[in-house]
N, C-alpha and C. Protein backbone atom coordinates (compact mmCIF):
# COMPACT_ATOMS: atom_id res chain seq x y z
N MET A 1 21.19 -37.94 9.49
CA MET A 1 21.92 -38.53 10.25
C MET A 1 22.60 -39.31 10.18
N GLU A 2 21.79 -40.78 9.66
CA GLU A 2 22.26 -42.06 10.39
C GLU A 2 23.52 -42.51 9.40
N GLY A 3 23.53 -41.88 7.81
CA GLY A 3 24.66 -42.16 7.24
C GLY A 3 25.82 -41.53 7.94
N VAL A 4 25.49 -40.12 8.35
CA VAL A 4 26.75 -40.22 9.31
C VAL A 4 27.36 -40.54 10.58
N ASN A 5 26.27 -40.98 11.48
CA ASN A 5 26.26 -42.29 12.88
C ASN A 5 27.06 -43.18 12.05
N ARG A 6 26.75 -43.70 10.50
CA ARG A 6 27.31 -44.84 10.46
C ARG A 6 28.68 -45.21 9.94
N LEU A 7 29.17 -43.96 9.62
CA LEU A 7 30.45 -43.16 9.21
C LEU A 7 31.37 -43.35 10.14
N ALA A 8 30.25 -42.33 11.83
CA ALA A 8 31.39 -42.16 12.48
C ALA A 8 31.67 -43.90 13.49
N SER A 9 31.14 -44.61 13.13
CA SER A 9 30.81 -45.64 13.68
C SER A 9 32.14 -46.91 13.14
N MET A 10 32.65 -46.70 11.76
CA MET A 10 33.25 -47.10 10.99
C MET A 10 34.26 -47.57 11.52
N SER A 11 35.93 -48.52 11.34
CA SER A 11 37.11 -48.81 11.70
C SER A 11 37.52 -48.12 10.48
N GLY A 12 38.90 -47.64 10.72
CA GLY A 12 39.73 -47.41 9.60
C GLY A 12 39.49 -48.07 8.51
N GLU A 13 39.86 -49.04 8.98
CA GLU A 13 39.17 -50.59 7.01
C GLU A 13 38.33 -50.35 6.66
N GLU A 14 37.26 -50.18 7.18
CA GLU A 14 35.72 -49.78 6.72
C GLU A 14 35.51 -48.61 6.43
N TRP A 15 36.11 -48.10 6.56
CA TRP A 15 35.82 -46.64 6.21
C TRP A 15 36.95 -46.74 5.14
N LEU A 16 37.23 -46.76 4.56
CA LEU A 16 38.93 -46.18 3.91
C LEU A 16 37.85 -47.74 2.18
N ARG A 17 37.79 -49.08 2.57
CA ARG A 17 36.87 -49.95 1.79
C ARG A 17 35.85 -48.84 0.97
N TYR A 18 34.48 -48.39 2.39
CA TYR A 18 33.60 -47.04 1.67
C TYR A 18 34.03 -46.31 0.90
N VAL A 19 34.94 -45.63 0.74
CA VAL A 19 35.36 -44.74 0.03
C VAL A 19 35.66 -45.00 -1.18
N VAL A 20 36.41 -46.13 -1.30
CA VAL A 20 37.07 -46.89 -2.59
C VAL A 20 35.36 -47.21 -3.41
N GLU A 21 34.78 -47.80 -2.80
CA GLU A 21 33.89 -48.22 -4.03
C GLU A 21 33.06 -47.14 -3.86
N ARG A 22 33.04 -45.86 -3.64
CA ARG A 22 31.81 -44.97 -3.66
C ARG A 22 32.75 -44.15 -4.89
N THR A 23 34.26 -44.17 -4.59
CA THR A 23 34.90 -43.67 -5.70
C THR A 23 35.07 -44.42 -6.73
N LEU A 24 35.19 -45.60 -7.04
CA LEU A 24 34.93 -46.58 -8.27
C LEU A 24 33.53 -46.79 -9.09
N SER A 25 32.74 -46.50 -8.03
CA SER A 25 31.76 -46.47 -8.66
C SER A 25 31.20 -45.39 -9.28
N VAL A 26 31.57 -44.12 -9.09
CA VAL A 26 31.44 -42.65 -9.76
C VAL A 26 32.40 -43.05 -11.10
N TRP A 27 33.79 -42.84 -11.11
CA TRP A 27 34.22 -44.09 -12.56
C TRP A 27 33.57 -44.37 -13.08
N GLY A 28 33.47 -45.33 -12.42
CA GLY A 28 32.56 -46.32 -13.35
C GLY A 28 31.62 -46.07 -14.34
N SER A 29 31.13 -45.18 -13.92
CA SER A 29 29.94 -44.74 -14.14
C SER A 29 29.69 -43.62 -15.49
N GLY A 30 31.45 -42.97 -15.77
CA GLY A 30 31.85 -42.41 -16.89
C GLY A 30 30.25 -41.13 -16.82
N ARG A 31 30.86 -40.74 -17.98
CA ARG A 31 29.66 -39.10 -18.78
C ARG A 31 28.10 -39.87 -18.97
N GLY A 32 27.98 -40.94 -19.26
CA GLY A 32 27.12 -41.30 -19.65
C GLY A 32 25.59 -41.17 -18.61
N GLY A 33 26.54 -41.35 -17.25
CA GLY A 33 25.27 -40.75 -16.23
C GLY A 33 24.96 -39.37 -15.92
N ARG A 34 25.54 -38.17 -16.62
CA ARG A 34 25.63 -37.32 -15.85
C ARG A 34 24.53 -36.61 -17.36
N VAL A 35 24.22 -35.72 -16.46
CA VAL A 35 23.07 -34.85 -17.88
C VAL A 35 23.82 -33.17 -17.66
N ARG A 36 24.37 -32.73 -18.77
CA ARG A 36 24.55 -31.50 -19.25
C ARG A 36 23.30 -30.31 -20.08
N ARG A 37 23.71 -29.40 -19.43
CA ARG A 37 22.79 -28.06 -19.83
C ARG A 37 23.21 -28.23 -21.57
N ALA A 38 22.56 -27.29 -22.11
CA ALA A 38 22.71 -27.32 -23.40
C ALA A 38 23.79 -26.55 -23.74
N SER A 39 23.20 -25.38 -23.09
CA SER A 39 24.42 -24.17 -22.72
C SER A 39 23.93 -23.54 -21.66
N ASP A 40 25.00 -23.04 -21.00
CA ASP A 40 24.84 -22.03 -19.99
C ASP A 40 24.63 -20.51 -20.41
N GLU A 41 23.50 -19.66 -19.47
CA GLU A 41 23.33 -18.32 -20.00
C GLU A 41 24.17 -17.41 -19.61
N PRO A 42 24.12 -16.33 -20.75
CA PRO A 42 25.60 -15.33 -19.49
C PRO A 42 25.44 -14.78 -18.30
N TRP A 43 26.24 -15.01 -17.59
CA TRP A 43 26.58 -13.91 -16.59
C TRP A 43 25.67 -13.38 -16.28
N PRO A 44 25.88 -12.26 -16.83
CA PRO A 44 24.80 -11.06 -16.67
C PRO A 44 23.54 -10.73 -16.40
N GLN A 45 22.97 -12.25 -18.13
CA GLN A 45 21.60 -12.00 -17.28
C GLN A 45 21.28 -13.45 -16.41
N LYS A 46 22.21 -14.04 -15.79
CA LYS A 46 21.92 -15.39 -14.66
C LYS A 46 22.19 -14.68 -13.26
N TRP A 47 22.30 -13.20 -13.15
CA TRP A 47 22.07 -12.28 -12.11
C TRP A 47 21.68 -10.79 -12.29
N PHE A 48 21.70 -10.43 -13.55
CA PHE A 48 19.96 -9.61 -13.53
C PHE A 48 18.98 -9.57 -13.67
N GLY A 49 18.90 -10.75 -14.65
CA GLY A 49 17.75 -10.71 -15.58
C GLY A 49 17.82 -10.42 -17.15
N ILE A 50 16.61 -9.86 -17.60
CA ILE A 50 16.72 -9.55 -18.68
C ILE A 50 17.27 -8.57 -19.47
N ILE A 51 17.24 -7.98 -18.27
CA ILE A 51 17.80 -5.72 -18.77
C ILE A 51 18.92 -6.05 -18.75
N PRO A 52 19.79 -5.96 -18.53
CA PRO A 52 21.49 -6.13 -18.61
C PRO A 52 21.58 -6.61 -20.72
N MET A 53 20.72 -7.76 -21.10
CA MET A 53 20.33 -7.91 -22.54
C MET A 53 19.77 -6.53 -23.06
N GLY A 54 18.76 -6.19 -22.62
CA GLY A 54 17.90 -5.31 -23.77
C GLY A 54 18.45 -3.88 -23.18
N LEU A 55 19.51 -3.45 -22.60
CA LEU A 55 19.92 -2.40 -22.40
C LEU A 55 21.55 -2.29 -23.75
N ARG A 56 21.87 -3.70 -23.83
CA ARG A 56 22.94 -4.15 -24.78
C ARG A 56 22.16 -3.39 -26.34
N LEU A 57 21.42 -3.90 -26.29
CA LEU A 57 20.48 -4.52 -27.43
C LEU A 57 21.04 -2.78 -27.89
N TRP A 58 19.98 -2.29 -26.98
CA TRP A 58 19.29 -0.71 -26.85
C TRP A 58 20.50 0.05 -28.03
N TRP A 59 21.75 -0.25 -26.92
CA TRP A 59 22.69 0.76 -27.30
C TRP A 59 23.36 0.66 -28.66
N ARG A 60 23.19 -0.88 -29.00
CA ARG A 60 23.89 -1.04 -30.02
C ARG A 60 23.33 -0.51 -31.87
N GLY A 61 21.60 -0.58 -31.17
CA GLY A 61 20.94 0.06 -32.34
C GLY A 61 20.77 1.42 -32.62
N ARG A 62 21.18 1.97 -31.37
CA ARG A 62 21.45 3.46 -30.62
C ARG A 62 22.85 4.22 -32.01
N ARG A 63 23.60 2.80 -31.12
CA ARG A 63 25.28 3.92 -32.19
C ARG A 63 24.79 2.89 -33.21
N ARG A 64 24.21 2.50 -34.34
CA ARG A 64 23.96 2.13 -35.71
C ARG A 64 23.21 3.18 -36.21
N ARG A 65 21.59 4.08 -35.49
CA ARG A 65 21.42 5.09 -36.11
C ARG A 65 22.38 6.39 -36.02
N LYS A 66 23.23 6.29 -35.33
CA LYS A 66 23.99 7.64 -35.38
C LYS A 66 24.19 8.48 -36.42
N THR A 67 23.53 9.87 -37.03
CA THR A 67 23.91 10.00 -37.95
C THR A 67 25.27 10.52 -37.66
N ARG A 68 25.93 10.65 -39.29
CA ARG A 68 26.97 11.17 -39.39
C ARG A 68 27.16 12.33 -40.13
N ALA A 69 28.25 12.95 -39.77
CA ALA A 69 28.51 14.54 -40.72
C ALA A 69 28.83 13.94 -42.47
N PRO A 70 28.65 14.66 -43.73
CA PRO A 70 29.05 14.08 -44.74
C PRO A 70 30.95 14.49 -44.56
N GLY A 71 31.50 13.72 -44.93
CA GLY A 71 33.13 14.17 -45.41
C GLY A 71 33.77 13.63 -43.67
N THR A 72 33.25 12.90 -43.68
CA THR A 72 33.90 12.36 -42.02
C THR A 72 33.88 11.00 -41.68
């Protein structure tokens, strides 16, 4: 809460200076300061766990094992 009280007591010019300094520090850091994950997991797996992936693998395998009548 201390930061909020400090911002509330700033004058307009001080606040503008603070915002500009913060913006330039973020822009100045560039992409080097940010850490990116290797890859995002698919949303069904993220929301429902491993079950959707297991069902998909089972369904694909089931379709591949389906026997077809000769001549079709």
